[in-house]
Amino acid sequence: MSNRTVTRADLAEAVYEQVGLSRNESADLVEAVLDDISNTLVSGENVKISSFGSFSIREKGERIGRNPKTGVEVPISPRKVLVFRASHVLKDRINDADTNAPSSDGSSSF
């Protein structure tokens, strides 16, 4: 498994190569999509991308935490957290990729 992270620039480059827009237009398109997703989540709405997954905001209440080193109890203030739930299509695709990957000795898993 690769430790590579996909960046905005990588997404823009993929749009450039697959759609044929200019590099600037591709970067603007990626930026617009990410801004729209962010703004929708900030407004409290959920974002669902078919065959990929859904993003939602969950509110966590105040609770008491504990410093693991000292054992001192510390209040943790209420906050909102972003939750991503992958679709079954994406989960199946990820699991199929794992079963079809070559093993460490170069042979397939079949």
PDB file of N, CA and C in Angstrom:
ATOM      1  N   MET A   1       0.837  -1.178   0.000  1.00  0.00           N
ATOM      2  CA  MET A   1       0.000   0.000   0.000  1.00  0.00           C
ATOM      3  C   MET A   1       0.880   1.239   0.000  1.00  0.00           C
ATOM      4  N   SER A   2       0.523   2.202  -0.783  1.00  0.00           N
ATOM      5  CA  SER A   2       1.295   3.422  -0.935  1.00  0.00           C
ATOM      6  C   SER A   2       0.971   4.417   0.183  1.00  0.00           C
ATOM      7  N   ASN A   3       1.963   5.196   0.580  1.00  0.00           N
ATOM      8  CA  ASN A   3       1.753   6.243   1.569  1.00  0.00           C
ATOM      9  C   ASN A   3       1.535   7.588   0.907  1.00  0.00           C
ATOM     10  N   ARG A   4       1.283   7.609  -0.376  1.00  0.00           N
ATOM     11  CA  ARG A   4       1.108   8.838  -1.132  1.00  0.00           C
ATOM     12  C   ARG A   4      -0.238   9.469  -0.799  1.00  0.00           C
ATOM     13  N   THR A   5      -0.266  10.799  -0.709  1.00  0.00           N
ATOM     14  CA  THR A   5      -1.484  11.561  -0.453  1.00  0.00           C
ATOM     15  C   THR A   5      -1.889  12.293  -1.722  1.00  0.00           C
ATOM     16  N   VAL A   6      -3.167  12.229  -2.060  1.00  0.00           N
ATOM     17  CA  VAL A   6      -3.677  12.935  -3.231  1.00  0.00           C
ATOM     18  C   VAL A   6      -3.964  14.377  -2.815  1.00  0.00           C
ATOM     19  N   THR A   7      -3.433  15.315  -3.567  1.00  0.00           N
ATOM     20  CA  THR A   7      -3.587  16.734  -3.265  1.00  0.00           C
ATOM     21  C   THR A   7      -4.557  17.400  -4.240  1.00  0.00           C
ATOM     22  N   ARG A   8      -4.867  18.664  -3.962  1.00  0.00           N
ATOM     23  CA  ARG A   8      -5.705  19.434  -4.882  1.00  0.00           C
ATOM     24  C   ARG A   8      -5.052  19.511  -6.258  1.00  0.00           C
ATOM     25  N   ALA A   9      -3.752  19.684  -6.269  1.00  0.00           N
ATOM     26  CA  ALA A   9      -3.026  19.756  -7.544  1.00  0.00           C
ATOM     27  C   ALA A   9      -3.158  18.440  -8.310  1.00  0.00           C
ATOM     28  N   ASP A  10      -3.119  17.303  -7.610  1.00  0.00           N
ATOM     29  CA  ASP A  10      -3.296  15.997  -8.267  1.00  0.00           C
ATOM     30  C   ASP A  10      -4.691  15.881  -8.874  1.00  0.00           C
ATOM     31  N   LEU A  11      -5.692  16.341  -8.131  1.00  0.00           N
ATOM     32  CA  LEU A  11      -7.065  16.297  -8.650  1.00  0.00           C
ATOM     33  C   LEU A  11      -7.204  17.194  -9.875  1.00  0.00           C
ATOM     34  N   ALA A  12      -6.626  18.387  -9.810  1.00  0.00           N
ATOM     35  CA  ALA A  12      -6.689  19.304 -10.946  1.00  0.00           C
ATOM     36  C   ALA A  12      -5.984  18.712 -12.162  1.00  0.00           C
ATOM     37  N   GLU A  13      -4.862  18.059 -11.932  1.00  0.00           N
ATOM     38  CA  GLU A  13      -4.121  17.427 -13.038  1.00  0.00           C
ATOM     39  C   GLU A  13      -4.948  16.295 -13.661  1.00  0.00           C
ATOM     40  N   ALA A  14      -5.656  15.528 -12.840  1.00  0.00           N
ATOM     41  CA  ALA A  14      -6.505  14.454 -13.352  1.00  0.00           C
ATOM     42  C   ALA A  14      -7.646  15.021 -14.196  1.00  0.00           C
ATOM     43  N   VAL A  15      -8.241  16.120 -13.748  1.00  0.00           N
ATOM     44  CA  VAL A  15      -9.305  16.768 -14.531  1.00  0.00           C
ATOM     45  C   VAL A  15      -8.730  17.266 -15.849  1.00  0.00           C
ATOM     46  N   TYR A  16      -7.556  17.864 -15.800  1.00  0.00           N
ATOM     47  CA  TYR A  16      -6.893  18.362 -17.010  1.00  0.00           C
ATOM     48  C   TYR A  16      -6.685  17.232 -18.017  1.00  0.00           C
ATOM     49  N   GLU A  17      -6.187  16.088 -17.539  1.00  0.00           N
ATOM     50  CA  GLU A  17      -5.877  14.975 -18.440  1.00  0.00           C
ATOM     51  C   GLU A  17      -7.125  14.274 -18.956  1.00  0.00           C
ATOM     52  N   GLN A  18      -8.142  14.116 -18.107  1.00  0.00           N
ATOM     53  CA  GLN A  18      -9.303  13.317 -18.499  1.00  0.00           C
ATOM     54  C   GLN A  18     -10.414  14.121 -19.154  1.00  0.00           C
ATOM     55  N   VAL A  19     -10.556  15.398 -18.794  1.00  0.00           N
ATOM     56  CA  VAL A  19     -11.653  16.198 -19.325  1.00  0.00           C
ATOM     57  C   VAL A  19     -11.187  17.089 -20.466  1.00  0.00           C
ATOM     58  N   GLY A  20      -9.950  17.544 -20.386  1.00  0.00           N
ATOM     59  CA  GLY A  20      -9.423  18.366 -21.468  1.00  0.00           C
ATOM     60  C   GLY A  20      -9.527  19.863 -21.233  1.00  0.00           C
ATOM     61  N   LEU A  21      -9.914  20.264 -20.025  1.00  0.00           N
ATOM     62  CA  LEU A  21      -9.907  21.694 -19.705  1.00  0.00           C
ATOM     63  C   LEU A  21      -8.464  22.150 -19.551  1.00  0.00           C
ATOM     64  N   SER A  22      -8.250  23.467 -19.583  1.00  0.00           N
ATOM     65  CA  SER A  22      -6.897  23.965 -19.352  1.00  0.00           C
ATOM     66  C   SER A  22      -6.517  23.690 -17.896  1.00  0.00           C
ATOM     67  N   ARG A  23      -5.237  23.794 -17.603  1.00  0.00           N
ATOM     68  CA  ARG A  23      -4.788  23.547 -16.227  1.00  0.00           C
ATOM     69  C   ARG A  23      -5.439  24.539 -15.252  1.00  0.00           C
ATOM     70  N   ASN A  24      -5.534  25.813 -15.656  1.00  0.00           N
ATOM     71  CA  ASN A  24      -6.161  26.818 -14.791  1.00  0.00           C
ATOM     72  C   ASN A  24      -7.644  26.530 -14.588  1.00  0.00           C
ATOM     73  N   GLU A  25      -8.331  26.167 -15.666  1.00  0.00           N
ATOM     74  CA  GLU A  25      -9.758  25.840 -15.554  1.00  0.00           C
ATOM     75  C   GLU A  25      -9.967  24.597 -14.697  1.00  0.00           C
ATOM     76  N   SER A  26      -9.080  23.624 -14.826  1.00  0.00           N
ATOM     77  CA  SER A  26      -9.175  22.407 -14.026  1.00  0.00           C
ATOM     78  C   SER A  26      -8.979  22.714 -12.544  1.00  0.00           C
ATOM     79  N   ALA A  27      -7.995  23.546 -12.231  1.00  0.00           N
ATOM     80  CA  ALA A  27      -7.749  23.926 -10.843  1.00  0.00           C
ATOM     81  C   ALA A  27      -8.934  24.704 -10.281  1.00  0.00           C
ATOM     82  N   ASP A  28      -9.501  25.606 -11.096  1.00  0.00           N
ATOM     83  CA  ASP A  28     -10.672  26.375 -10.662  1.00  0.00           C
ATOM     84  C   ASP A  28     -11.872  25.466 -10.414  1.00  0.00           C
ATOM     85  N   LEU A  29     -12.060  24.468 -11.271  1.00  0.00           N
ATOM     86  CA  LEU A  29     -13.172  23.536 -11.117  1.00  0.00           C
ATOM     87  C   LEU A  29     -13.031  22.731  -9.831  1.00  0.00           C
ATOM     88  N   VAL A  30     -11.848  22.191  -9.566  1.00  0.00           N
ATOM     89  CA  VAL A  30     -11.606  21.425  -8.333  1.00  0.00           C
ATOM     90  C   VAL A  30     -11.852  22.316  -7.118  1.00  0.00           C
ATOM     91  N   GLU A  31     -11.353  23.535  -7.171  1.00  0.00           N
ATOM     92  CA  GLU A  31     -11.524  24.479  -6.065  1.00  0.00           C
ATOM     93  C   GLU A  31     -13.005  24.788  -5.838  1.00  0.00           C
ATOM     94  N   ALA A  32     -13.756  24.956  -6.924  1.00  0.00           N
ATOM     95  CA  ALA A  32     -15.184  25.258  -6.816  1.00  0.00           C
ATOM     96  C   ALA A  32     -15.952  24.095  -6.188  1.00  0.00           C
ATOM     97  N   VAL A  33     -15.629  22.881  -6.582  1.00  0.00           N
ATOM     98  CA  VAL A  33     -16.301  21.705  -6.026  1.00  0.00           C
ATOM     99  C   VAL A  33     -15.996  21.575  -4.533  1.00  0.00           C
ATOM    100  N   LEU A  34     -14.730  21.724  -4.158  1.00  0.00           N
ATOM    101  CA  LEU A  34     -14.359  21.615  -2.747  1.00  0.00           C
ATOM    102  C   LEU A  34     -14.980  22.742  -1.918  1.00  0.00           C
ATOM    103  N   ASP A  35     -15.043  23.946  -2.470  1.00  0.00           N
ATOM    104  CA  ASP A  35     -15.684  25.068  -1.775  1.00  0.00           C
ATOM    105  C   ASP A  35     -17.174  24.797  -1.569  1.00  0.00           C
ATOM    106  N   ASP A  36     -17.818  24.261  -2.590  1.00  0.00           N
ATOM    107  CA  ASP A  36     -19.249  23.971  -2.488  1.00  0.00           C
ATOM    108  C   ASP A  36     -19.515  22.913  -1.420  1.00  0.00           C
ATOM    109  N   ILE A  37     -18.695  21.877  -1.384  1.00  0.00           N
ATOM    110  CA  ILE A  37     -18.836  20.842  -0.359  1.00  0.00           C
ATOM    111  C   ILE A  37     -18.632  21.453   1.029  1.00  0.00           C
ATOM    112  N   SER A  38     -17.582  22.256   1.187  1.00  0.00           N
ATOM    113  CA  SER A  38     -17.291  22.890   2.478  1.00  0.00           C
ATOM    114  C   SER A  38     -18.428  23.796   2.924  1.00  0.00           C
ATOM    115  N   ASN A  39     -18.900  24.644   2.027  1.00  0.00           N
ATOM    116  CA  ASN A  39     -19.970  25.584   2.364  1.00  0.00           C
ATOM    117  C   ASN A  39     -21.265  24.861   2.742  1.00  0.00           C
ATOM    118  N   THR A  40     -21.559  23.778   2.060  1.00  0.00           N
ATOM    119  CA  THR A  40     -22.751  22.992   2.371  1.00  0.00           C
ATOM    120  C   THR A  40     -22.645  22.399   3.771  1.00  0.00           C
ATOM    121  N   LEU A  41     -21.475  21.862   4.113  1.00  0.00           N
ATOM    122  CA  LEU A  41     -21.282  21.289   5.443  1.00  0.00           C
ATOM    123  C   LEU A  41     -21.340  22.361   6.527  1.00  0.00           C
ATOM    124  N   VAL A  42     -20.740  23.511   6.269  1.00  0.00           N
ATOM    125  CA  VAL A  42     -20.763  24.610   7.240  1.00  0.00           C
ATOM    126  C   VAL A  42     -22.196  25.062   7.509  1.00  0.00           C
ATOM    127  N   SER A  43     -23.039  25.034   6.479  1.00  0.00           N
ATOM    128  CA  SER A  43     -24.431  25.453   6.651  1.00  0.00           C
ATOM    129  C   SER A  43     -25.268  24.406   7.381  1.00  0.00           C
ATOM    130  N   GLY A  44     -24.686  23.250   7.694  1.00  0.00           N
ATOM    131  CA  GLY A  44     -25.394  22.223   8.461  1.00  0.00           C
ATOM    132  C   GLY A  44     -26.041  21.140   7.635  1.00  0.00           C
ATOM    133  N   GLU A  45     -25.871  21.194   6.323  1.00  0.00           N
ATOM    134  CA  GLU A  45     -26.454  20.169   5.464  1.00  0.00           C
ATOM    135  C   GLU A  45     -25.466  19.030   5.236  1.00  0.00           C
ATOM    136  N   ASN A  46     -25.993  17.870   4.879  1.00  0.00           N
ATOM    137  CA  ASN A  46     -25.159  16.722   4.550  1.00  0.00           C
ATOM    138  C   ASN A  46     -24.793  16.763   3.075  1.00  0.00           C
ATOM    139  N   VAL A  47     -23.679  16.118   2.729  1.00  0.00           N
ATOM    140  CA  VAL A  47     -23.243  16.001   1.337  1.00  0.00           C
ATOM    141  C   VAL A  47     -23.157  14.519   1.013  1.00  0.00           C
ATOM    142  N   LYS A  48     -23.889  14.105  -0.021  1.00  0.00           N
ATOM    143  CA  LYS A  48     -23.868  12.707  -0.438  1.00  0.00           C
ATOM    144  C   LYS A  48     -23.393  12.643  -1.879  1.00  0.00           C
ATOM    145  N   ILE A  49     -22.325  11.882  -2.109  1.00  0.00           N
ATOM    146  CA  ILE A  49     -21.793  11.682  -3.450  1.00  0.00           C
ATOM    147  C   ILE A  49     -22.057  10.225  -3.810  1.00  0.00           C
ATOM    148  N   SER A  50     -22.924  10.029  -4.759  1.00  0.00           N
ATOM    149  CA  SER A  50     -23.357   8.691  -5.141  1.00  0.00           C
ATOM    150  C   SER A  50     -22.163   7.799  -5.478  1.00  0.00           C
ATOM    151  N   SER A  51     -22.199   6.579  -4.995  1.00  0.00           N
ATOM    152  CA  SER A  51     -21.161   5.558  -5.217  1.00  0.00           C
ATOM    153  C   SER A  51     -19.827   5.913  -4.573  1.00  0.00           C
ATOM    154  N   PHE A  52     -19.791   6.947  -3.747  1.00  0.00           N
ATOM    155  CA  PHE A  52     -18.566   7.324  -3.042  1.00  0.00           C
ATOM    156  C   PHE A  52     -18.790   7.344  -1.541  1.00  0.00           C
ATOM    157  N   GLY A  53     -19.700   8.188  -1.079  1.00  0.00           N
ATOM    158  CA  GLY A  53     -19.988   8.243   0.346  1.00  0.00           C
ATOM    159  C   GLY A  53     -20.694   9.518   0.722  1.00  0.00           C
ATOM    160  N   SER A  54     -20.879   9.710   2.023  1.00  0.00           N
ATOM    161  CA  SER A  54     -21.557  10.910   2.488  1.00  0.00           C
ATOM    162  C   SER A  54     -20.768  11.554   3.620  1.00  0.00           C
ATOM    163  N   PHE A  55     -20.834  12.875   3.647  1.00  0.00           N
ATOM    164  CA  PHE A  55     -20.203  13.677   4.679  1.00  0.00           C
ATOM    165  C   PHE A  55     -21.305  14.303   5.510  1.00  0.00           C
ATOM    166  N   SER A  56     -21.120  14.336   6.817  1.00  0.00           N
ATOM    167  CA  SER A  56     -22.079  15.002   7.686  1.00  0.00           C
ATOM    168  C   SER A  56     -21.342  15.571   8.892  1.00  0.00           C
ATOM    169  N   ILE A  57     -22.028  16.474   9.588  1.00  0.00           N
ATOM    170  CA  ILE A  57     -21.480  17.081  10.792  1.00  0.00           C
ATOM    171  C   ILE A  57     -22.210  16.476  11.983  1.00  0.00           C
ATOM    172  N   ARG A  58     -21.450  16.052  12.982  1.00  0.00           N
ATOM    173  CA  ARG A  58     -22.036  15.500  14.205  1.00  0.00           C
ATOM    174  C   ARG A  58     -21.613  16.380  15.376  1.00  0.00           C
ATOM    175  N   GLU A  59     -22.547  16.660  16.238  1.00  0.00           N
ATOM    176  CA  GLU A  59     -22.234  17.462  17.413  1.00  0.00           C
ATOM    177  C   GLU A  59     -21.892  16.537  18.569  1.00  0.00           C
ATOM    178  N   LYS A  60     -20.755  16.805  19.203  1.00  0.00           N
ATOM    179  CA  LYS A  60     -20.331  16.034  20.370  1.00  0.00           C
ATOM    180  C   LYS A  60     -20.530  16.905  21.599  1.00  0.00           C
ATOM    181  N   GLY A  61     -21.097  16.329  22.623  1.00  0.00           N
ATOM    182  CA  GLY A  61     -21.360  17.069  23.845  1.00  0.00           C
ATOM    183  C   GLY A  61     -20.119  17.217  24.707  1.00  0.00           C
ATOM    184  N   GLU A  62     -20.259  18.035  25.729  1.00  0.00           N
ATOM    185  CA  GLU A  62     -19.160  18.219  26.676  1.00  0.00           C
ATOM    186  C   GLU A  62     -18.966  16.924  27.458  1.00  0.00           C
ATOM    187  N   ARG A  63     -17.719  16.633  27.776  1.00  0.00           N
ATOM    188  CA  ARG A  63     -17.412  15.438  28.562  1.00  0.00           C
ATOM    189  C   ARG A  63     -16.129  15.654  29.338  1.00  0.00           C
ATOM    190  N   ILE A  64     -15.883  14.755  30.231  1.00  0.00           N
ATOM    191  CA  ILE A  64     -14.658  14.815  31.021  1.00  0.00           C
ATOM    192  C   ILE A  64     -13.653  13.842  30.416  1.00  0.00           C
ATOM    193  N   GLY A  65     -12.473  14.359  30.100  1.00  0.00           N
ATOM    194  CA  GLY A  65     -11.389  13.530  29.596  1.00  0.00           C
ATOM    195  C   GLY A  65     -10.326  13.388  30.668  1.00  0.00           C
ATOM    196  N   ARG A  66      -9.345  12.571  30.394  1.00  0.00           N
ATOM    197  CA  ARG A  66      -8.294  12.351  31.374  1.00  0.00           C
ATOM    198  C   ARG A  66      -6.941  12.404  30.668  1.00  0.00           C
ATOM    199  N   ASN A  67      -6.016  13.169  31.239  1.00  0.00           N
ATOM    200  CA  ASN A  67      -4.658  13.211  30.720  1.00  0.00           C
ATOM    201  C   ASN A  67      -4.025  11.850  31.005  1.00  0.00           C
ATOM    202  N   PRO A  68      -3.647  11.104  29.967  1.00  0.00           N
ATOM    203  CA  PRO A  68      -3.133   9.745  30.195  1.00  0.00           C
ATOM    204  C   PRO A  68      -1.811   9.728  30.968  1.00  0.00           C
ATOM    205  N   LYS A  69      -1.051  10.799  30.889  1.00  0.00           N
ATOM    206  CA  LYS A  69       0.245  10.821  31.570  1.00  0.00           C
ATOM    207  C   LYS A  69       0.096  11.119  33.058  1.00  0.00           C
ATOM    208  N   THR A  70      -0.751  12.105  33.379  1.00  0.00           N
ATOM    209  CA  THR A  70      -0.868  12.523  34.777  1.00  0.00           C
ATOM    210  C   THR A  70      -2.116  11.996  35.464  1.00  0.00           C
ATOM    211  N   GLY A  71      -3.133  11.610  34.682  1.00  0.00           N
ATOM    212  CA  GLY A  71      -4.376  11.131  35.264  1.00  0.00           C
ATOM    213  C   GLY A  71      -5.315  12.255  35.670  1.00  0.00           C
ATOM    214  N   VAL A  72      -4.941  13.499  35.418  1.00  0.00           N
ATOM    215  CA  VAL A  72      -5.759  14.647  35.788  1.00  0.00           C
ATOM    216  C   VAL A  72      -6.968  14.726  34.856  1.00  0.00           C
ATOM    217  N   GLU A  73      -8.164  14.919  35.462  1.00  0.00           N
ATOM    218  CA  GLU A  73      -9.372  15.065  34.659  1.00  0.00           C
ATOM    219  C   GLU A  73      -9.438  16.468  34.072  1.00  0.00           C
ATOM    220  N   VAL A  74      -9.846  16.536  32.805  1.00  0.00           N
ATOM    221  CA  VAL A  74      -9.914  17.804  32.086  1.00  0.00           C
ATOM    222  C   VAL A  74     -11.250  17.856  31.348  1.00  0.00           C
ATOM    223  N   PRO A  75     -11.983  18.973  31.460  1.00  0.00           N
ATOM    224  CA  PRO A  75     -13.241  19.063  30.694  1.00  0.00           C
ATOM    225  C   PRO A  75     -12.939  19.269  29.202  1.00  0.00           C
ATOM    226  N   ILE A  76     -13.662  18.537  28.370  1.00  0.00           N
ATOM    227  CA  ILE A  76     -13.537  18.686  26.922  1.00  0.00           C
ATOM    228  C   ILE A  76     -14.802  19.387  26.459  1.00  0.00           C
ATOM    229  N   SER A  77     -14.645  20.552  25.841  1.00  0.00           N
ATOM    230  CA  SER A  77     -15.794  21.374  25.468  1.00  0.00           C
ATOM    231  C   SER A  77     -16.570  20.749  24.303  1.00  0.00           C
ATOM    232  N   PRO A  78     -17.846  21.108  24.198  1.00  0.00           N
ATOM    233  CA  PRO A  78     -18.640  20.576  23.076  1.00  0.00           C
ATOM    234  C   PRO A  78     -18.080  21.087  21.753  1.00  0.00           C
ATOM    235  N   ARG A  79     -18.230  20.279  20.706  1.00  0.00           N
ATOM    236  CA  ARG A  79     -17.708  20.663  19.400  1.00  0.00           C
ATOM    237  C   ARG A  79     -18.419  19.891  18.301  1.00  0.00           C
ATOM    238  N   LYS A  80     -18.179  20.328  17.088  1.00  0.00           N
ATOM    239  CA  LYS A  80     -18.724  19.639  15.923  1.00  0.00           C
ATOM    240  C   LYS A  80     -17.591  18.888  15.251  1.00  0.00           C
ATOM    241  N   VAL A  81     -17.898  17.699  14.739  1.00  0.00           N
ATOM    242  CA  VAL A  81     -16.888  16.905  14.038  1.00  0.00           C
ATOM    243  C   VAL A  81     -17.434  16.480  12.676  1.00  0.00           C
ATOM    244  N   LEU A  82     -16.537  16.371  11.724  1.00  0.00           N
ATOM    245  CA  LEU A  82     -16.891  15.918  10.387  1.00  0.00           C
ATOM    246  C   LEU A  82     -16.861  14.398  10.355  1.00  0.00           C
ATOM    247  N   VAL A  83     -17.912  13.809   9.806  1.00  0.00           N
ATOM    248  CA  VAL A  83     -18.016  12.355   9.721  1.00  0.00           C
ATOM    249  C   VAL A  83     -18.136  11.977   8.245  1.00  0.00           C
ATOM    250  N   PHE A  84     -17.332  11.006   7.819  1.00  0.00           N
ATOM    251  CA  PHE A  84     -17.448  10.480   6.457  1.00  0.00           C
ATOM    252  C   PHE A  84     -17.873   9.032   6.553  1.00  0.00           C
ATOM    253  N   ARG A  85     -18.880   8.675   5.789  1.00  0.00           N
ATOM    254  CA  ARG A  85     -19.345   7.297   5.744  1.00  0.00           C
ATOM    255  C   ARG A  85     -19.250   6.830   4.296  1.00  0.00           C
ATOM    256  N   ALA A  86     -18.389   5.866   4.061  1.00  0.00           N
ATOM    257  CA  ALA A  86     -18.172   5.361   2.700  1.00  0.00           C
ATOM    258  C   ALA A  86     -19.384   4.572   2.222  1.00  0.00           C
ATOM    259  N   SER A  87     -19.672   4.673   0.923  1.00  0.00           N
ATOM    260  CA  SER A  87     -20.774   3.899   0.342  1.00  0.00           C
ATOM    261  C   SER A  87     -20.352   2.436   0.232  1.00  0.00           C
ATOM    262  N   HIS A  88     -21.342   1.585   0.066  1.00  0.00           N
ATOM    263  CA  HIS A  88     -21.044   0.158  -0.111  1.00  0.00           C
ATOM    264  C   HIS A  88     -20.263  -0.082  -1.398  1.00  0.00           C
ATOM    265  N   VAL A  89     -20.532   0.725  -2.417  1.00  0.00           N
ATOM    266  CA  VAL A  89     -19.805   0.591  -3.682  1.00  0.00           C
ATOM    267  C   VAL A  89     -18.316   0.849  -3.461  1.00  0.00           C
ATOM    268  N   LEU A  90     -17.994   1.920  -2.723  1.00  0.00           N
ATOM    269  CA  LEU A  90     -16.594   2.242  -2.440  1.00  0.00           C
ATOM    270  C   LEU A  90     -15.961   1.173  -1.554  1.00  0.00           C
ATOM    271  N   LYS A  91     -16.682   0.726  -0.542  1.00  0.00           N
ATOM    272  CA  LYS A  91     -16.152  -0.321   0.347  1.00  0.00           C
ATOM    273  C   LYS A  91     -15.854  -1.595  -0.441  1.00  0.00           C
ATOM    274  N   ASP A  92     -16.782  -1.983  -1.310  1.00  0.00           N
ATOM    275  CA  ASP A  92     -16.567  -3.185  -2.126  1.00  0.00           C
ATOM    276  C   ASP A  92     -15.363  -3.016  -3.042  1.00  0.00           C
ATOM    277  N   ARG A  93     -15.235  -1.829  -3.617  1.00  0.00           N
ATOM    278  CA  ARG A  93     -14.116  -1.566  -4.518  1.00  0.00           C
ATOM    279  C   ARG A  93     -12.781  -1.646  -3.780  1.00  0.00           C
ATOM    280  N   ILE A  94     -12.740  -1.101  -2.571  1.00  0.00           N
ATOM    281  CA  ILE A  94     -11.521  -1.153  -1.763  1.00  0.00           C
ATOM    282  C   ILE A  94     -11.185  -2.591  -1.402  1.00  0.00           C
ATOM    283  N   ASN A  95     -12.186  -3.361  -1.001  1.00  0.00           N
ATOM    284  CA  ASN A  95     -11.951  -4.758  -0.629  1.00  0.00           C
ATOM    285  C   ASN A  95     -11.561  -5.603  -1.824  1.00  0.00           C
ATOM    286  N   ASP A  96     -12.151  -5.333  -2.999  1.00  0.00           N
ATOM    287  CA  ASP A  96     -11.771  -6.060  -4.209  1.00  0.00           C
ATOM    288  C   ASP A  96     -10.338  -5.744  -4.597  1.00  0.00           C
ATOM    289  N   ALA A  97      -9.913  -4.496  -4.392  1.00  0.00           N
ATOM    290  CA  ALA A  97      -8.536  -4.100  -4.715  1.00  0.00           C
ATOM    291  C   ALA A  97      -7.556  -4.862  -3.830  1.00  0.00           C
ATOM    292  N   ASP A  98      -7.923  -5.087  -2.563  1.00  0.00           N
ATOM    293  CA  ASP A  98      -7.050  -5.825  -1.650  1.00  0.00           C
ATOM    294  C   ASP A  98      -6.921  -7.288  -2.066  1.00  0.00           C
ATOM    295  N   THR A  99      -8.008  -7.897  -2.523  1.00  0.00           N
ATOM    296  CA  THR A  99      -7.953  -9.308  -2.886  1.00  0.00           C
ATOM    297  C   THR A  99      -7.289  -9.533  -4.229  1.00  0.00           C
ATOM    298  N   ASN A 100      -7.283  -8.513  -5.087  1.00  0.00           N
ATOM    299  CA  ASN A 100      -6.665  -8.651  -6.406  1.00  0.00           C
ATOM    300  C   ASN A 100      -5.221  -8.181  -6.438  1.00  0.00           C
ATOM    301  N   ALA A 101      -4.734  -7.619  -5.335  1.00  0.00           N
ATOM    302  CA  ALA A 101      -3.347  -7.117  -5.280  1.00  0.00           C
ATOM    303  C   ALA A 101      -2.391  -8.312  -5.268  1.00  0.00           C
ATOM    304  N   PRO A 102      -1.249  -8.171  -5.937  1.00  0.00           N
ATOM    305  CA  PRO A 102      -0.267  -9.253  -5.902  1.00  0.00           C
ATOM    306  C   PRO A 102       0.310  -9.406  -4.498  1.00  0.00           C
ATOM    307  N   SER A 103       0.662 -10.633  -4.165  1.00  0.00           N
ATOM    308  CA  SER A 103       1.263 -10.871  -2.856  1.00  0.00           C
ATOM    309  C   SER A 103       2.709 -10.430  -2.873  1.00  0.00           C
ATOM    310  N   SER A 104       3.341 -10.458  -1.706  1.00  0.00           N
ATOM    311  CA  SER A 104       4.716  -9.959  -1.585  1.00  0.00           C
ATOM    312  C   SER A 104       5.705 -10.770  -2.429  1.00  0.00           C
ATOM    313  N   ASP A 105       5.383 -12.009  -2.764  1.00  0.00           N
ATOM    314  CA  ASP A 105       6.303 -12.799  -3.577  1.00  0.00           C
ATOM    315  C   ASP A 105       6.050 -12.629  -5.079  1.00  0.00           C
ATOM    316  N   GLY A 106       5.113 -11.710  -5.422  1.00  0.00           N
ATOM    317  CA  GLY A 106       4.851 -11.414  -6.822  1.00  0.00           C
ATOM    318  C   GLY A 106       3.766 -12.259  -7.444  1.00  0.00           C
ATOM    319  N   SER A 107       3.281 -13.284  -6.736  1.00  0.00           N
ATOM    320  CA  SER A 107       2.214 -14.105  -7.285  1.00  0.00           C
ATOM    321  C   SER A 107       0.870 -13.501  -6.914  1.00  0.00           C
ATOM    322  N   SER A 108      -0.149 -13.818  -7.665  1.00  0.00           N
ATOM    323  CA  SER A 108      -1.471 -13.288  -7.357  1.00  0.00           C
ATOM    324  C   SER A 108      -2.094 -14.114  -6.248  1.00  0.00           C
ATOM    325  N   SER A 109      -3.174 -13.582  -5.659  1.00  0.00           N
ATOM    326  CA  SER A 109      -3.796 -14.254  -4.528  1.00  0.00           C
ATOM    327  C   SER A 109      -4.814 -15.290  -4.958  1.00  0.00           C
ATOM    328  N   PHE A 110      -4.931 -15.569  -6.255  1.00  0.00           N
ATOM    329  CA  PHE A 110      -5.901 -16.557  -6.736  1.00  0.00           C
ATOM    330  C   PHE A 110      -5.330 -17.936  -6.752  1.00  0.00           C
TER     331      PHE A 110
END
